[in-house]
C-alpha cells in the first residue's frame, strides 16, 4: 500500500481488524468500545511520510517503510527494531550511479524514500528498495533488520531512478527446489535506456551472491525485460507506465497500470492526451517476455465512466458473491477503485467507484485476442510502440489458457476494454485504497478515502 499520512490512519485500522478476525464478529457492526481506542503509531516528525506497509502473515509483525527508516512493529504497533536507510550524499542526475562510474554532478545530503517493501518468506528476509543511487535495495533479516546484503556494483542493481514512493511494484514467484524470481515493474521517468519498465530478476538464496537481481535471462538479443522505446517519448514527452498493483495467480504474473495515450476525440482533427488503465499479464516462466499482453480495464455506472485506476486488491469470491457472479468460491476476484474520467492522473476527481473483475473473464478476453492475432487478424495495437500498425502474423497452432507466446505477435495489446462490475460509488470523498478478504462466506472490502475515512 502507498499512503499519505491521512491514509496511514485507516491502514493501521485495517491491519488491526485483519489481525483480530478470529475474535471479532465482523459479520455485524458493533459500536466501538469506549475503553478500547484505536492503536496508533507516530514516527519522528522530521521523517515525512510513511511509504509502505507489509504484515508478516505468520507472526502479525508489521514492517513499515518510511523516509530514511524501516520500522519493525508488533501487532499492537510497538516499535521492536528500527533500521536507518539514509540520508546519504547523492545526486539524481548521476547515470549510471557514481558507485559504478565517476559522476561530475555535485553531491548533497539526500533522503532515502522507501519505494518497495516485500517479505521474502522463503529466506526469512525483507526486501527494502529506496530512492538513493537510482534505486538500490537492501535485504534485511526479518527478525532484527540486520543487513544481509545490499547489491550495488552492477548496472542491473539499480532498479528505478524515480523518487516517488509509488513508482515501483514487485511480485515474488517462489519455487521449492530453485532460486525464486522477482518481477519488478517501475516508472522510468524518461530514462528507458537505463531502466526496463518490467523485468524478472534472480532472487538468490545467498543475499550477497553476485547474481542477486540479475536478469533471469540476458543475451545480446533477448532478455527478461520490457523496455519502452525511446521514440515513444517524441510522441508523448511525459510518457510513463505507472504501476498501481501487482500479483501472481496460476501460471501468470499481473500488474495493474495507468499510462498516457493520445486519442482523437469524436469530430476532432487534433489528438489529446488521456490516461488509460490497463492490466498487464506475463507468464511466470517466460524468460524472453514473449507473453506480454495488456488489456484496458475500466468501469461505468449510470452513464458515468470511471477510468483512472487508484488502487486494487486480489481476493477470492467467497460462496455468497460467487453465486451472484456465477463463479466458484475460490475464483480470483479483483477489487479495484477508479476515479471518474481519464484525463487528470495527478489531480483525480473526487467521484470514484469500487468495481470488481472476475480474473477468469479477463484471461478469457486475452485468450480470444491471442487467437485472433495468431489468425493474422488486426495489429499488435500497443500505444507505447512508435509504430502502432504492426500487423499480426498468422501461425497454425493451438492457443490454450496457458499459452506463453512466441517470438512473433509480441508484445500484444487488446483494444476493447474489459468493464468491471460497479458495486459502490462515492461522489465527495475519493476512494484511494482497498483491501478485501472472505469471512464466513461473505466477501468483505475495506476502502480508505482521501480524507482518511474507512468504509467497510
Protein backbone atom coordinates (compact mmCIF):
# COMPACT_ATOMS: atom_id res chain seq x y z
CA UNK A 1 0.00 0.00 0.00
CA UNK A 2 1.12 3.54 -0.77
CA UNK A 3 -0.14 6.03 1.75
CA UNK A 4 -0.49 9.67 2.53
CA UNK A 5 -0.36 10.48 6.27
CA UNK A 6 -4.16 10.52 6.32
CA UNK A 7 -4.40 7.11 4.65
CA UNK A 8 -1.95 5.70 7.21
CA UNK A 9 -4.63 6.04 9.91
CA UNK A 10 -7.08 3.71 8.20
CA UNK A 11 -4.32 1.31 7.13
CA UNK A 12 -3.37 0.75 10.77
CA UNK A 13 -7.04 0.15 11.47
CA UNK A 14 -7.33 -2.37 8.64
CA UNK A 15 -4.23 -4.20 9.91
CA UNK A 16 -5.77 -4.28 13.39
CA UNK A 17 -9.06 -5.64 12.06
CA UNK A 18 -7.42 -8.28 9.89
CA UNK A 19 -5.23 -9.47 12.75
CA UNK A 20 -8.22 -9.81 15.07
CA UNK A 21 -10.74 -11.55 12.83
CA UNK A 22 -10.63 -14.68 14.97
CA UNK A 23 -12.11 -12.84 17.93
CA UNK A 24 -14.15 -10.04 16.33
CA UNK A 25 -17.62 -10.80 14.93
CA UNK A 26 -17.19 -8.81 11.70
CA UNK A 27 -20.43 -10.14 10.26
CA UNK A 28 -22.34 -7.41 12.14
CA UNK A 29 -21.46 -3.87 13.06
CA UNK A 30 -20.81 -3.07 16.71
CA UNK A 31 -20.34 0.30 18.41
CA UNK A 32 -16.72 0.96 19.38
CA UNK A 33 -15.92 0.09 22.98
CA UNK A 34 -15.25 3.32 24.92
CA UNK A 35 -12.24 1.80 26.73
CA UNK A 36 -10.58 0.42 23.59
CA UNK A 37 -9.32 3.33 21.47
CA UNK A 38 -7.64 2.61 18.18
CA UNK A 39 -3.94 1.83 18.46
CA UNK A 40 -1.67 4.36 16.76
CA UNK A 41 1.99 4.73 15.90
CA UNK A 42 3.65 8.07 15.17
CA UNK A 43 7.07 8.35 13.56
CA UNK A 44 9.52 11.16 14.04
CA UNK A 45 8.10 14.39 12.62
CA UNK A 46 11.20 15.13 10.54
CA UNK A 47 10.87 11.89 8.59
CA UNK A 48 7.94 12.94 6.45
CA UNK A 49 5.52 10.40 5.06
CA UNK A 50 5.31 6.70 5.67
CA UNK A 51 5.58 4.98 2.31
CA UNK A 52 4.81 1.26 2.51
CA UNK A 53 3.49 -1.30 4.96
CA UNK A 54 3.59 -5.11 4.95
CA UNK A 55 2.32 -7.52 7.58
CA UNK A 56 4.01 -10.88 8.26
CA UNK A 57 1.11 -13.29 7.90
CA UNK A 58 2.82 -15.80 10.20
CA UNK A 59 3.64 -13.55 13.17
CA UNK A 60 1.49 -10.45 12.77
CA UNK A 61 4.61 -8.26 12.86
CA UNK A 62 4.33 -5.08 10.81
CA UNK A 63 7.14 -3.72 8.64
CA UNK A 64 6.89 -0.06 7.76
CA UNK A 65 8.91 1.69 5.06
CA UNK A 66 9.42 5.40 5.71
CA UNK A 67 11.76 8.16 4.62
CA UNK A 68 15.26 7.16 5.88
CA UNK A 69 13.81 4.43 8.13
CA UNK A 70 12.49 0.89 8.15
CA UNK A 71 10.47 0.00 11.26
CA UNK A 72 9.51 -3.37 12.65
CA UNK A 73 6.40 -3.06 14.82
CA UNK A 74 4.48 -5.55 16.94
CA UNK A 75 0.85 -6.24 16.02
CA UNK A 76 -0.14 -3.61 18.63
CA UNK A 77 2.17 -1.05 16.94
CA UNK A 78 5.03 -1.04 19.44
CA UNK A 79 8.49 -0.43 17.90
CA UNK A 80 10.61 -3.59 18.01
CA UNK A 81 13.51 -2.61 15.73
CA UNK A 82 14.49 0.40 13.59
CA UNK A 83 16.89 0.34 10.62
CA UNK A 84 18.30 3.56 9.12
CA UNK A 85 18.46 3.78 5.31
CA UNK A 86 19.53 7.42 4.85
CA UNK A 87 20.17 10.25 4.25
CA UNK A 88 23.37 9.97 2.19
CA UNK A 89 25.30 12.02 -0.37
CA UNK A 90 23.75 11.58 -3.80
CA UNK A 91 22.63 13.35 -6.98
CA UNK A 92 19.69 12.07 -9.04
CA UNK A 93 21.45 13.15 -12.27
CA UNK A 94 24.22 10.55 -11.88
CA UNK A 95 23.60 7.90 -14.58
CA UNK A 96 24.95 5.33 -14.10
CA UNK A 97 25.28 5.83 -10.33
CA UNK A 98 28.57 7.14 -9.01
CA UNK A 99 29.28 3.75 -7.42
CA UNK A 100 29.66 2.34 -10.95
CA UNK A 101 31.08 5.39 -12.72
CA UNK A 102 32.50 8.72 -11.50
CA UNK A 103 29.88 11.47 -11.59
CA UNK A 104 30.70 15.15 -12.09
CA UNK A 105 27.45 16.36 -10.55
CA UNK A 106 27.65 17.91 -7.05
CA UNK A 107 26.63 15.54 -4.27
CA UNK A 108 24.31 16.72 -1.49
CA UNK A 109 22.72 15.01 1.54
CA UNK A 110 19.66 13.26 0.10
CA UNK A 111 16.74 11.48 1.75
CA UNK A 112 16.08 7.82 1.00
CA UNK A 113 12.39 7.38 0.17
CA UNK A 114 11.20 3.78 0.54
CA UNK A 115 9.86 2.70 -2.86
CA UNK A 116 9.24 -1.02 -2.32
CA UNK A 117 8.85 -3.31 0.67
CA UNK A 118 8.44 -7.06 0.21
CA UNK A 119 8.61 -10.02 2.59
CA UNK A 120 10.62 -12.93 1.20
CA UNK A 121 9.12 -15.67 3.37
CA UNK A 122 11.24 -18.45 1.93
CA UNK A 123 14.52 -16.84 3.03
CA UNK A 124 13.12 -15.00 6.08
CA UNK A 125 14.16 -11.55 4.83
CA UNK A 126 12.76 -8.17 3.92
CA UNK A 127 13.48 -6.57 0.54
CA UNK A 128 13.58 -2.78 1.05
CA UNK A 129 14.27 -0.65 -2.02
CA UNK A 130 14.84 3.08 -1.80
CA UNK A 131 15.35 6.18 -3.94
CA UNK A 132 19.09 6.68 -3.31
CA UNK A 133 21.60 5.82 -6.07
CA UNK A 134 18.93 5.17 -8.76
CA UNK A 135 17.07 2.70 -6.60
CA UNK A 136 19.19 0.11 -4.83
CA UNK A 137 17.75 -2.45 -2.40
CA UNK A 138 18.72 -3.79 0.98
CA UNK A 139 18.00 -7.33 2.11
CA UNK A 140 17.24 -7.27 5.84
CA UNK A 141 16.76 -10.19 8.23
CA UNK A 142 13.12 -10.23 9.38
CA UNK A 143 14.00 -10.96 12.99
CA UNK A 144 16.21 -7.96 13.74
CA UNK A 145 16.53 -5.98 10.44
CA UNK A 146 20.21 -6.89 10.25
CA UNK A 147 21.55 -6.06 6.76
CA UNK A 148 22.19 -9.34 4.93
CA UNK A 149 23.13 -7.73 1.64
CA UNK A 150 22.99 -4.54 -0.45
CA UNK A 151 23.86 -5.27 -4.11
CA UNK A 152 25.16 -2.11 -5.82
CA UNK A 153 28.14 -2.95 -8.05
CA UNK A 154 26.34 -3.83 -11.33
CA UNK A 155 24.02 -1.86 -13.60
CA UNK A 156 21.11 -4.24 -13.01
CA UNK A 157 21.25 -3.50 -9.27
CA UNK A 158 19.74 -0.05 -9.92
CA UNK A 159 16.02 -0.60 -10.29
CA UNK A 160 14.48 2.85 -10.85
CA UNK A 161 15.51 6.49 -10.86
CA UNK A 162 12.04 7.75 -9.96
CA UNK A 163 11.85 9.15 -6.43
CA UNK A 164 8.12 8.83 -5.77
CA UNK A 165 7.16 6.16 -3.25
CA UNK A 166 4.55 4.72 -5.61
CA UNK A 167 6.88 4.18 -8.55
CA UNK A 168 7.92 0.53 -8.08
CA UNK A 169 5.93 -2.67 -7.61
CA UNK A 170 7.39 -6.14 -7.08
CA UNK A 171 5.98 -9.67 -7.16
CA UNK A 172 7.91 -12.70 -5.86
CA UNK A 173 7.44 -16.02 -7.64
CA UNK A 174 8.56 -18.80 -5.32
CA UNK A 175 9.90 -22.29 -6.14
CA UNK A 176 10.55 -25.35 -3.99
CA UNK A 177 13.91 -26.52 -5.32
CA UNK A 178 15.41 -23.49 -7.09
CA UNK A 179 16.00 -19.76 -6.58
CA UNK A 180 12.94 -17.55 -6.60
CA UNK A 181 12.19 -14.82 -9.15
CA UNK A 182 11.37 -11.20 -8.50
CA UNK A 183 9.23 -9.45 -11.11
CA UNK A 184 9.91 -5.70 -10.91
CA UNK A 185 7.70 -3.07 -12.56
CA UNK A 186 8.64 0.60 -12.44
CA UNK A 187 8.10 4.03 -13.91
CA UNK A 188 11.24 5.05 -15.85
CA UNK A 189 10.90 8.87 -15.77
CA UNK A 190 12.12 9.36 -19.36
CA UNK A 191 15.16 7.07 -18.87
CA UNK A 192 14.25 3.94 -20.87
CA UNK A 193 17.91 3.45 -21.83
CA UNK A 194 18.74 2.82 -18.15
CA UNK A 195 15.67 1.10 -16.77
CA UNK A 196 13.32 -1.55 -18.17
CA UNK A 197 9.71 -0.88 -17.25
CA UNK A 198 9.17 -4.57 -16.37
CA UNK A 199 11.81 -7.22 -15.73
CA UNK A 200 12.26 -10.54 -13.95
CA UNK A 201 15.27 -10.85 -11.65
CA UNK A 202 17.06 -13.63 -9.81
CA UNK A 203 16.31 -13.73 -6.11
CA UNK A 204 19.23 -15.81 -4.88
CA UNK A 205 19.28 -17.72 -1.60
CA UNK A 206 22.55 -16.01 -0.64
CA UNK A 207 21.80 -12.32 -0.06
CA UNK A 208 25.37 -11.37 -1.05
CA UNK A 209 25.52 -13.56 -4.17
CA UNK A 210 26.94 -11.96 -7.31
CA UNK A 211 23.80 -12.85 -9.27
CA UNK A 212 21.30 -11.18 -6.94
CA UNK A 213 18.81 -9.09 -9.03
CA UNK A 214 20.47 -10.18 -12.29
CA UNK A 215 18.02 -10.66 -15.16
CA UNK A 216 16.67 -14.21 -15.26
CA UNK A 217 17.89 -14.36 -18.87
CA UNK A 218 20.03 -11.90 -20.83
CA UNK A 219 21.99 -12.24 -24.06
CA UNK A 220 22.83 -9.95 -26.95
CA UNK A 221 19.34 -10.08 -28.46
CA UNK A 222 16.83 -11.18 -25.81
CA UNK A 223 16.37 -10.51 -22.10
CA UNK A 224 13.79 -10.97 -19.35
CA UNK A 225 12.55 -7.39 -19.66
CA UNK A 226 10.34 -4.92 -21.49
CA UNK A 227 11.81 -1.52 -22.40
CA UNK A 228 9.76 1.44 -23.57
CA UNK A 229 11.17 2.54 -26.96
CA UNK A 230 12.93 5.92 -26.79
CA UNK A 231 10.94 7.05 -29.84
CA UNK A 232 7.75 6.88 -27.77
CA UNK A 233 8.88 9.98 -25.86
CA UNK A 234 8.99 12.02 -29.07
CA UNK A 235 5.25 11.43 -29.45
CA UNK A 236 4.30 11.72 -25.74
CA UNK A 237 7.14 13.61 -23.97
CA UNK A 238 5.93 12.78 -20.46
CA UNK A 239 5.06 9.15 -21.28
CA UNK A 240 5.47 6.62 -18.49
CA UNK A 241 3.76 3.50 -17.22
CA UNK A 242 2.67 3.82 -13.59
CA UNK A 243 2.24 0.54 -11.72
CA UNK A 244 -0.57 0.57 -9.17
CA UNK A 245 -0.69 -3.09 -8.07
CA UNK A 246 0.78 -6.49 -8.86
CA UNK A 247 0.12 -10.14 -8.01
CA UNK A 248 0.59 -13.70 -9.24
CA UNK A 249 -2.16 -16.21 -9.98
CA UNK A 250 -1.89 -19.61 -11.65
CA UNK A 251 0.86 -19.55 -14.29
CA UNK A 252 0.89 -15.77 -14.63
CA UNK A 253 2.12 -12.54 -13.06
CA UNK A 254 -0.13 -9.49 -13.38
CA UNK A 255 0.38 -5.75 -12.99
CA UNK A 256 -2.31 -3.08 -12.98
CA UNK A 257 -1.14 0.11 -14.62
CA UNK A 258 -2.03 3.66 -15.56
CA UNK A 259 -0.47 5.06 -18.74
CA UNK A 260 -0.96 8.07 -21.04
CA UNK A 261 -2.36 7.69 -24.52
CA UNK A 262 -3.06 10.08 -27.40
CA UNK A 263 -6.60 9.82 -28.76
CA UNK A 264 -8.65 11.70 -31.35
CA UNK A 265 -11.96 12.84 -29.79
CA UNK A 266 -15.05 12.34 -31.99
CA UNK A 267 -15.29 15.12 -34.58
CA UNK A 268 -11.81 16.48 -33.80
CA UNK A 269 -8.75 16.54 -36.06
CA UNK A 270 -6.31 17.02 -33.18
CA UNK A 271 -5.25 14.46 -30.60
CA UNK A 272 -5.43 14.91 -26.84
CA UNK A 273 -3.73 13.07 -24.01
CA UNK A 274 -5.78 10.86 -21.71
CA UNK A 275 -4.88 8.13 -19.24
CA UNK A 276 -5.82 4.51 -19.77
CA UNK A 277 -5.88 1.89 -17.02
CA UNK A 278 -4.54 -1.44 -18.22
CA UNK A 279 -3.89 -4.89 -16.83
CA UNK A 280 -0.56 -6.40 -17.95
CA UNK A 281 -0.03 -10.18 -17.95
CA UNK A 282 3.16 -12.24 -18.24
CA UNK A 283 3.87 -15.96 -17.90
CA UNK A 284 5.96 -16.78 -14.82
CA UNK A 285 8.28 -19.00 -16.87
CA UNK A 286 8.64 -16.68 -19.88
CA UNK A 287 12.31 -15.64 -19.89
CA UNK A 288 12.01 -13.70 -23.19
CA UNK A 289 8.78 -11.87 -22.24
CA UNK A 290 7.04 -13.01 -25.42
CA UNK A 291 3.88 -13.49 -23.34
CA UNK A 292 3.43 -9.76 -22.62
CA UNK A 293 -0.22 -8.78 -23.16
CA UNK A 294 -2.04 -5.70 -21.89
CA UNK A 295 -5.79 -5.11 -21.80
CA UNK A 296 -7.67 -1.87 -20.94
CA UNK A 297 -9.90 -2.01 -17.87
CA UNK A 298 -12.49 0.41 -16.57
CA UNK A 299 -15.89 0.81 -15.02
CA UNK A 300 -19.18 2.54 -15.84
CA UNK A 301 -22.30 3.29 -13.84
CA UNK A 302 -25.37 5.27 -14.91
CA UNK A 303 -23.53 6.55 -17.98
CA UNK A 304 -20.55 7.84 -15.93
CA UNK A 305 -17.15 6.42 -16.85
CA UNK A 306 -14.56 5.64 -14.18
CA UNK A 307 -11.22 5.07 -15.91
CA UNK A 308 -8.42 6.34 -13.62
CA UNK A 309 -7.21 3.41 -11.53
CA UNK A 310 -6.43 4.36 -7.91
CA UNK A 311 -5.93 1.04 -6.12
CA UNK A 312 -6.58 -2.71 -6.43
CA UNK A 313 -6.50 -5.89 -4.36
CA UNK A 314 -6.80 -9.58 -5.24
CA UNK A 315 -9.16 -11.73 -3.18
CA UNK A 316 -11.36 -14.81 -3.50
CA UNK A 317 -15.03 -14.66 -4.38
CA UNK A 318 -16.41 -16.47 -1.32
CA UNK A 319 -19.57 -18.57 -1.56
CA UNK A 320 -22.13 -15.75 -1.46
CA UNK A 321 -20.52 -13.41 -4.01
CA UNK A 322 -19.58 -16.41 -6.17
CA UNK A 323 -23.23 -17.43 -6.54
CA UNK A 324 -24.25 -13.97 -7.76
CA UNK A 325 -21.33 -13.85 -10.23
CA UNK A 326 -21.76 -17.42 -11.49
CA UNK A 327 -18.24 -18.45 -10.48
CA UNK A 328 -16.65 -20.73 -7.88
CA UNK A 329 -15.96 -19.53 -4.30
CA UNK A 330 -12.19 -19.99 -4.83
CA UNK A 331 -12.12 -18.00 -8.08
CA UNK A 332 -9.88 -14.91 -8.06
CA UNK A 333 -11.68 -11.56 -7.85
CA UNK A 334 -10.01 -8.19 -8.40
CA UNK A 335 -11.36 -5.38 -6.23
CA UNK A 336 -10.49 -2.08 -7.92
CA UNK A 337 -11.01 1.62 -7.21
CA UNK A 338 -11.33 4.03 -10.14
CA UNK A 339 -11.90 7.77 -10.14
CA UNK A 340 -14.16 9.47 -12.68
CA UNK A 341 -12.93 10.23 -16.19
CA UNK A 342 -9.48 9.55 -17.62
CA UNK A 343 -7.75 12.90 -18.15
CA UNK A 344 -6.05 14.03 -14.95
CA UNK A 345 -3.75 11.47 -13.38
CA UNK A 346 -2.29 13.68 -10.66
CA UNK A 347 -5.48 15.54 -9.73
CA UNK A 348 -8.16 12.90 -9.94
CA UNK A 349 -11.78 13.90 -9.49
CA UNK A 350 -13.41 13.06 -6.16
CA UNK A 351 -16.11 10.93 -7.78
CA UNK A 352 -14.94 7.32 -7.56
CA UNK A 353 -16.22 3.77 -7.88
CA UNK A 354 -15.40 0.41 -6.32
CA UNK A 355 -15.60 -2.24 -9.03
CA UNK A 356 -14.92 -5.97 -9.21
CA UNK A 357 -13.49 -8.08 -12.02
CA UNK A 358 -13.50 -11.86 -12.31
CA UNK A 359 -9.91 -12.66 -13.26
CA UNK A 360 -11.01 -15.61 -15.39
CA UNK A 361 -13.11 -13.27 -17.56
CA UNK A 362 -10.06 -11.07 -18.22
CA UNK A 363 -7.99 -14.14 -19.10
CA UNK A 364 -10.72 -15.31 -21.50
CA UNK A 365 -10.61 -11.92 -23.25
CA UNK A 366 -6.82 -12.18 -23.54
CA UNK A 367 -7.10 -15.70 -24.98
CA UNK A 368 -9.62 -14.51 -27.59
CA UNK A 369 -7.23 -11.73 -28.59
CA UNK A 370 -4.27 -14.10 -28.85
CA UNK A 371 -6.30 -16.48 -31.01
CA UNK A 372 -7.40 -13.71 -33.38
CA UNK A 373 -3.87 -12.28 -33.67
CA UNK A 374 -2.39 -15.70 -34.47
CA UNK A 375 -5.03 -15.99 -37.19
CA UNK A 376 -3.42 -12.86 -38.66
CA UNK A 377 -6.26 -10.50 -37.71
CA UNK A 378 -5.56 -6.89 -36.72
CA UNK A 379 -2.38 -5.25 -35.43
CA UNK A 380 -0.34 -5.54 -32.25
CA UNK A 381 -2.22 -2.45 -31.01
CA UNK A 382 0.15 -1.15 -28.34
CA UNK A 383 0.02 2.60 -27.72
CA UNK A 384 3.62 2.83 -26.46
CA UNK A 385 5.14 1.30 -29.60
CA UNK A 386 6.08 4.06 -32.07
CA UNK A 387 4.73 2.02 -34.98
CA UNK A 388 1.20 1.22 -33.91
CA UNK A 389 0.17 -0.68 -37.03
CA UNK A 390 2.45 -3.73 -36.92
CA UNK A 391 0.19 -6.43 -38.37
CA UNK A 392 -0.45 -9.71 -36.57
CA UNK A 393 1.18 -12.73 -38.24
CA UNK A 394 -0.75 -15.94 -38.75
CA UNK A 395 0.51 -19.28 -37.41
CA UNK A 396 -1.14 -22.68 -37.20
CA UNK A 397 -1.11 -23.54 -33.52
CA UNK A 398 -3.46 -24.09 -30.61
CA UNK A 399 -3.81 -21.24 -28.12
CA UNK A 400 -4.95 -22.64 -24.77
CA UNK A 401 -5.44 -20.96 -21.37
CA UNK A 402 -1.72 -21.19 -20.55
CA UNK A 403 -0.21 -20.07 -23.87
CA UNK A 404 3.03 -18.16 -23.26
CA UNK A 405 3.74 -16.60 -26.67
CA UNK A 406 6.33 -16.98 -29.41
CA UNK A 407 8.92 -14.59 -30.82
CA UNK A 408 6.15 -13.15 -33.00
CA UNK A 409 2.99 -11.17 -32.25
CA UNK A 410 4.55 -9.80 -29.09
CA UNK A 411 4.22 -7.62 -27.13
CA UNK A 412 0.48 -7.52 -27.75
CA UNK A 413 -2.34 -5.15 -26.81
CA UNK A 414 -6.07 -5.75 -26.53
CA UNK A 415 -8.09 -2.88 -27.99
CA UNK A 416 -11.52 -3.43 -26.39
CA UNK A 417 -11.93 -2.55 -22.72
CA UNK A 418 -12.95 -5.12 -20.10
CA UNK A 419 -15.57 -3.49 -17.90
CA UNK A 420 -15.78 -4.19 -14.18
CA UNK A 421 -18.96 -4.54 -12.14
CA UNK A 422 -19.56 -1.36 -10.08
CA UNK A 423 -20.64 -2.22 -6.54
CA UNK A 424 -20.25 1.13 -4.75
CA UNK A 425 -19.70 4.78 -5.72
CA UNK A 426 -18.55 7.80 -3.70
CA UNK A 427 -19.05 11.33 -5.01
CA UNK A 428 -17.43 13.57 -2.38
CA UNK A 429 -14.54 11.79 -0.64
CA UNK A 430 -12.47 9.98 -3.26
CA UNK A 431 -11.68 6.35 -2.52
CA UNK A 432 -7.92 5.81 -2.68
CA UNK A 433 -7.19 2.33 -1.27
CA UNK A 434 -8.85 -1.07 -0.95
CA UNK A 435 -8.26 -4.38 0.79
CA UNK A 436 -10.59 -7.41 0.77
CA UNK A 437 -10.94 -10.92 2.16
CA UNK A 438 -13.56 -13.63 2.76
CA UNK A 439 -15.14 -14.02 6.20
CA UNK A 440 -17.85 -16.65 6.85
CA UNK A 441 -18.60 -16.95 3.10
CA UNK A 442 -19.00 -13.18 2.76
CA UNK A 443 -16.56 -11.16 0.67
CA UNK A 444 -15.64 -8.07 2.71
CA UNK A 445 -13.94 -4.97 1.37
CA UNK A 446 -12.37 -2.16 3.38
CA UNK A 447 -11.95 1.08 1.43
CA UNK A 448 -9.85 4.06 2.51
CA UNK A 449 -10.73 7.56 1.34
CA UNK A 450 -8.86 10.75 0.54
CA UNK A 451 -9.81 12.31 3.91
CA UNK A 452 -8.68 9.27 5.90
CA UNK A 453 -12.09 7.63 6.43
CA UNK A 454 -12.60 3.87 6.41
CA UNK A 455 -15.59 2.25 4.73
CA UNK A 456 -16.47 -1.41 5.23
